[in-house]
Amino acid sequence: MLAHWIPGFATVTGPHQLSFDTVAQIMASVSGGFQSLAPAQLDSDAAFIDSALDRCRERPSEVIVIPECGMTSRMPLRLPLTELVQFVAEFDYDSGTHQFGLLDGASDIFFGFDTGDMLFVDHDERIWFTPAQPIAT
């Protein structure tokens, strides 16, 4: 489904190929590029998601989340946009003796929207956005 929404993902044949480098290359190759967003937006899950969605040309209805790019144990998840804030707020995982939330800077997280827009939060809590490609006329 992700390749249908975002053609650059057509070359990805399995979750092991969804690494930081692959996702960054796909995002950078799209017209509009790899735009940086302010990291302060990570202070509130709902505010972060609303701010990111404000950059979309149209409001998405679905999202595919890759909770940890490159880790085949964290399979991509497809969900309605209405469930995204709750999903992000409730997603916790254990790593050794520590428990992390989805946006705690412990992994690379990708959000691909059915509009073709892409959002990426890397392990250094840098936030990247790539707008959907304009429809050719």
C-alpha atoms as a PDB file:
ATOM      1  CA  MET A   1       0.000   0.000   0.000  1.00  0.00           C
ATOM      2  CA  LEU A   2       2.862   2.389   0.809  1.00  0.00           C
ATOM      3  CA  ALA A   3       4.221   2.021  -2.745  1.00  0.00           C
ATOM      4  CA  HIS A   4       0.760   2.890  -4.072  1.00  0.00           C
ATOM      5  CA  TRP A   5       0.675   6.109  -2.026  1.00  0.00           C
ATOM      6  CA  ILE A   6       4.350   6.980  -2.513  1.00  0.00           C
ATOM      7  CA  PRO A   7       5.869   5.566  -5.726  1.00  0.00           C
ATOM      8  CA  GLY A   8       9.452   5.749  -4.403  1.00  0.00           C
ATOM      9  CA  PHE A   9       8.677   2.803  -2.140  1.00  0.00           C
ATOM     10  CA  ALA A  10       8.042   0.514  -5.138  1.00  0.00           C
ATOM     11  CA  THR A  11      11.687  -0.613  -4.992  1.00  0.00           C
ATOM     12  CA  VAL A  12      11.324  -1.808  -1.389  1.00  0.00           C
ATOM     13  CA  THR A  13      10.494  -5.511  -1.321  1.00  0.00           C
ATOM     14  CA  GLY A  14      10.711  -6.228   2.400  1.00  0.00           C
ATOM     15  CA  PRO A  15      10.847  -4.576   5.833  1.00  0.00           C
ATOM     16  CA  HIS A  16      14.603  -5.194   6.115  1.00  0.00           C
ATOM     17  CA  GLN A  17      15.061  -2.597   3.340  1.00  0.00           C
ATOM     18  CA  LEU A  18      13.232   0.135   5.268  1.00  0.00           C
ATOM     19  CA  SER A  19      16.383   1.559   6.831  1.00  0.00           C
ATOM     20  CA  PHE A  20      17.086   5.177   7.735  1.00  0.00           C
ATOM     21  CA  ASP A  21      19.161   5.604   4.561  1.00  0.00           C
ATOM     22  CA  THR A  22      16.514   4.126   2.254  1.00  0.00           C
ATOM     23  CA  VAL A  23      13.701   6.232   3.690  1.00  0.00           C
ATOM     24  CA  ALA A  24      15.832   9.401   3.635  1.00  0.00           C
ATOM     25  CA  GLN A  25      16.787   8.783  -0.014  1.00  0.00           C
ATOM     26  CA  ILE A  26      13.162   8.293  -1.030  1.00  0.00           C
ATOM     27  CA  MET A  27      12.117  11.468   0.787  1.00  0.00           C
ATOM     28  CA  ALA A  28      15.004  13.511  -0.623  1.00  0.00           C
ATOM     29  CA  SER A  29      14.272  12.405  -4.196  1.00  0.00           C
ATOM     30  CA  VAL A  30      10.782  13.908  -4.187  1.00  0.00           C
ATOM     31  CA  SER A  31      10.258  17.440  -5.450  1.00  0.00           C
ATOM     32  CA  GLY A  32       9.997  19.569  -2.323  1.00  0.00           C
ATOM     33  CA  GLY A  33      12.761  17.576  -0.669  1.00  0.00           C
ATOM     34  CA  PHE A  34      13.659  16.784   2.851  1.00  0.00           C
ATOM     35  CA  GLN A  35      12.407  19.747   4.933  1.00  0.00           C
ATOM     36  CA  SER A  36      13.465  20.109   8.558  1.00  0.00           C
ATOM     37  CA  LEU A  37      10.870  20.901  11.239  1.00  0.00           C
ATOM     38  CA  ALA A  38      11.596  22.367  14.667  1.00  0.00           C
ATOM     39  CA  PRO A  39      12.349  19.669  17.276  1.00  0.00           C
ATOM     40  CA  ALA A  40      10.412  21.532  19.972  1.00  0.00           C
ATOM     41  CA  GLN A  41       7.277  20.106  18.381  1.00  0.00           C
ATOM     42  CA  LEU A  42       7.992  16.749  20.037  1.00  0.00           C
ATOM     43  CA  ASP A  43       6.901  18.081  23.443  1.00  0.00           C
ATOM     44  CA  SER A  44       3.285  17.020  22.879  1.00  0.00           C
ATOM     45  CA  ASP A  45       2.240  14.093  20.698  1.00  0.00           C
ATOM     46  CA  ALA A  46      -1.009  15.735  19.603  1.00  0.00           C
ATOM     47  CA  ALA A  47       0.607  19.129  18.909  1.00  0.00           C
ATOM     48  CA  PHE A  48       3.425  17.468  16.977  1.00  0.00           C
ATOM     49  CA  ILE A  49       1.037  15.509  14.763  1.00  0.00           C
ATOM     50  CA  ASP A  50      -1.261  18.505  14.201  1.00  0.00           C
ATOM     51  CA  SER A  51       1.709  20.674  13.228  1.00  0.00           C
ATOM     52  CA  ALA A  52       2.978  18.039  10.801  1.00  0.00           C
ATOM     53  CA  LEU A  53      -0.472  17.541   9.263  1.00  0.00           C
ATOM     54  CA  ASP A  54      -0.828  21.288   8.747  1.00  0.00           C
ATOM     55  CA  ARG A  55       1.968  20.970   6.165  1.00  0.00           C
ATOM     56  CA  CYS A  56      -0.037  18.483   4.078  1.00  0.00           C
ATOM     57  CA  ARG A  57      -1.790  19.995   1.051  1.00  0.00           C
ATOM     58  CA  GLU A  58      -4.886  17.988   1.908  1.00  0.00           C
ATOM     59  CA  ARG A  59      -5.924  16.216   5.086  1.00  0.00           C
ATOM     60  CA  PRO A  60      -4.861  12.535   5.004  1.00  0.00           C
ATOM     61  CA  SER A  61      -7.295   9.832   6.060  1.00  0.00           C
ATOM     62  CA  GLU A  62      -4.803   6.964   6.555  1.00  0.00           C
ATOM     63  CA  VAL A  63      -1.202   6.551   7.626  1.00  0.00           C
ATOM     64  CA  ILE A  64       1.399   3.816   7.568  1.00  0.00           C
ATOM     65  CA  VAL A  65       3.764   3.999  10.518  1.00  0.00           C
ATOM     66  CA  ILE A  66       7.133   2.268  10.541  1.00  0.00           C
ATOM     67  CA  PRO A  67       7.967   2.411  14.262  1.00  0.00           C
ATOM     68  CA  GLU A  68      11.644   1.563  13.881  1.00  0.00           C
ATOM     69  CA  CYS A  69      13.096   1.731  10.382  1.00  0.00           C
ATOM     70  CA  GLY A  70      15.368  -1.182   9.546  1.00  0.00           C
ATOM     71  CA  MET A  71      14.160  -3.416  12.374  1.00  0.00           C
ATOM     72  CA  THR A  72      12.160  -6.297  10.936  1.00  0.00           C
ATOM     73  CA  SER A  73      10.709  -6.992  14.386  1.00  0.00           C
ATOM     74  CA  ARG A  74       8.808  -3.679  14.139  1.00  0.00           C
ATOM     75  CA  MET A  75       6.540  -4.228  11.169  1.00  0.00           C
ATOM     76  CA  PRO A  76       4.792  -1.286   9.466  1.00  0.00           C
ATOM     77  CA  LEU A  77       1.291  -0.546  10.724  1.00  0.00           C
ATOM     78  CA  ARG A  78      -1.579   0.928   8.724  1.00  0.00           C
ATOM     79  CA  LEU A  79      -4.226   2.859  10.605  1.00  0.00           C
ATOM     80  CA  PRO A  80      -6.845   5.547  10.125  1.00  0.00           C
ATOM     81  CA  LEU A  81      -5.599   9.057  10.813  1.00  0.00           C
ATOM     82  CA  THR A  82      -8.181   9.396  13.583  1.00  0.00           C
ATOM     83  CA  GLU A  83      -6.209   6.800  15.598  1.00  0.00           C
ATOM     84  CA  LEU A  84      -2.729   8.276  15.042  1.00  0.00           C
ATOM     85  CA  VAL A  85      -2.493  10.525  18.122  1.00  0.00           C
ATOM     86  CA  GLN A  86      -3.691   7.731  20.419  1.00  0.00           C
ATOM     87  CA  PHE A  87      -1.321   5.228  18.776  1.00  0.00           C
ATOM     88  CA  VAL A  88       1.689   7.527  19.235  1.00  0.00           C
ATOM     89  CA  ALA A  89       0.725   8.314  22.836  1.00  0.00           C
ATOM     90  CA  GLU A  90       0.279   4.653  23.778  1.00  0.00           C
ATOM     91  CA  PHE A  91       3.187   3.095  21.854  1.00  0.00           C
ATOM     92  CA  ASP A  92       5.806   2.051  24.403  1.00  0.00           C
ATOM     93  CA  TYR A  93       8.537  -0.513  24.110  1.00  0.00           C
ATOM     94  CA  ASP A  94      11.229  -1.843  26.380  1.00  0.00           C
ATOM     95  CA  SER A  95      14.916  -1.747  25.524  1.00  0.00           C
ATOM     96  CA  GLY A  96      16.995  -3.337  28.230  1.00  0.00           C
ATOM     97  CA  THR A  97      15.967  -1.681  31.479  1.00  0.00           C
ATOM     98  CA  HIS A  98      14.473   1.402  29.787  1.00  0.00           C
ATOM     99  CA  GLN A  99      10.990   2.024  28.463  1.00  0.00           C
ATOM    100  CA  PHE A 100      10.607   4.347  25.475  1.00  0.00           C
ATOM    101  CA  GLY A 101       7.686   6.044  23.796  1.00  0.00           C
ATOM    102  CA  LEU A 102       7.503   6.254  20.033  1.00  0.00           C
ATOM    103  CA  LEU A 103       8.912   9.795  19.838  1.00  0.00           C
ATOM    104  CA  ASP A 104      11.562   9.489  22.572  1.00  0.00           C
ATOM    105  CA  GLY A 105      14.544   9.599  20.226  1.00  0.00           C
ATOM    106  CA  ALA A 106      15.376   5.915  20.528  1.00  0.00           C
ATOM    107  CA  SER A 107      14.659   4.972  16.915  1.00  0.00           C
ATOM    108  CA  ASP A 108      13.875   6.228  13.407  1.00  0.00           C
ATOM    109  CA  ILE A 109      10.112   6.533  12.860  1.00  0.00           C
ATOM    110  CA  PHE A 110       8.466   7.024   9.472  1.00  0.00           C
ATOM    111  CA  PHE A 111       4.908   8.182   8.769  1.00  0.00           C
ATOM    112  CA  GLY A 112       3.627   7.784   5.190  1.00  0.00           C
ATOM    113  CA  PHE A 113       0.231   9.331   4.498  1.00  0.00           C
ATOM    114  CA  ASP A 114      -2.297   8.326   1.864  1.00  0.00           C
ATOM    115  CA  THR A 115      -1.901  11.816   0.385  1.00  0.00           C
ATOM    116  CA  GLY A 116       1.737  11.024  -0.473  1.00  0.00           C
ATOM    117  CA  ASP A 117       3.137  13.275   2.257  1.00  0.00           C
ATOM    118  CA  MET A 118       5.920  11.830   4.429  1.00  0.00           C
ATOM    119  CA  LEU A 119       7.124  12.554   7.947  1.00  0.00           C
ATOM    120  CA  PHE A 120      10.288  11.141   9.496  1.00  0.00           C
ATOM    121  CA  VAL A 121      11.625  11.469  13.051  1.00  0.00           C
ATOM    122  CA  ASP A 122      15.171  10.212  13.411  1.00  0.00           C
ATOM    123  CA  HIS A 123      16.980   8.832  16.459  1.00  0.00           C
ATOM    124  CA  ASP A 124      18.466  12.283  17.171  1.00  0.00           C
ATOM    125  CA  GLU A 125      14.930  13.725  17.348  1.00  0.00           C
ATOM    126  CA  ARG A 126      15.383  15.609  14.093  1.00  0.00           C
ATOM    127  CA  ILE A 127      12.095  15.947  12.238  1.00  0.00           C
ATOM    128  CA  TRP A 128      11.833  15.805   8.458  1.00  0.00           C
ATOM    129  CA  PHE A 129       8.859  16.388   6.176  1.00  0.00           C
ATOM    130  CA  THR A 130       8.442  15.800   2.457  1.00  0.00           C
ATOM    131  CA  PRO A 131       5.286  17.090   0.776  1.00  0.00           C
ATOM    132  CA  ALA A 132       3.389  14.974  -1.721  1.00  0.00           C
ATOM    133  CA  GLN A 133       4.476  15.281  -5.312  1.00  0.00           C
ATOM    134  CA  PRO A 134       2.211  17.579  -7.279  1.00  0.00           C
ATOM    135  CA  ILE A 135      -0.133  15.758  -9.631  1.00  0.00           C
ATOM    136  CA  ALA A 136       1.042  16.076 -13.213  1.00  0.00           C
ATOM    137  CA  THR A 137      -1.366  17.962 -15.434  1.00  0.00           C
END
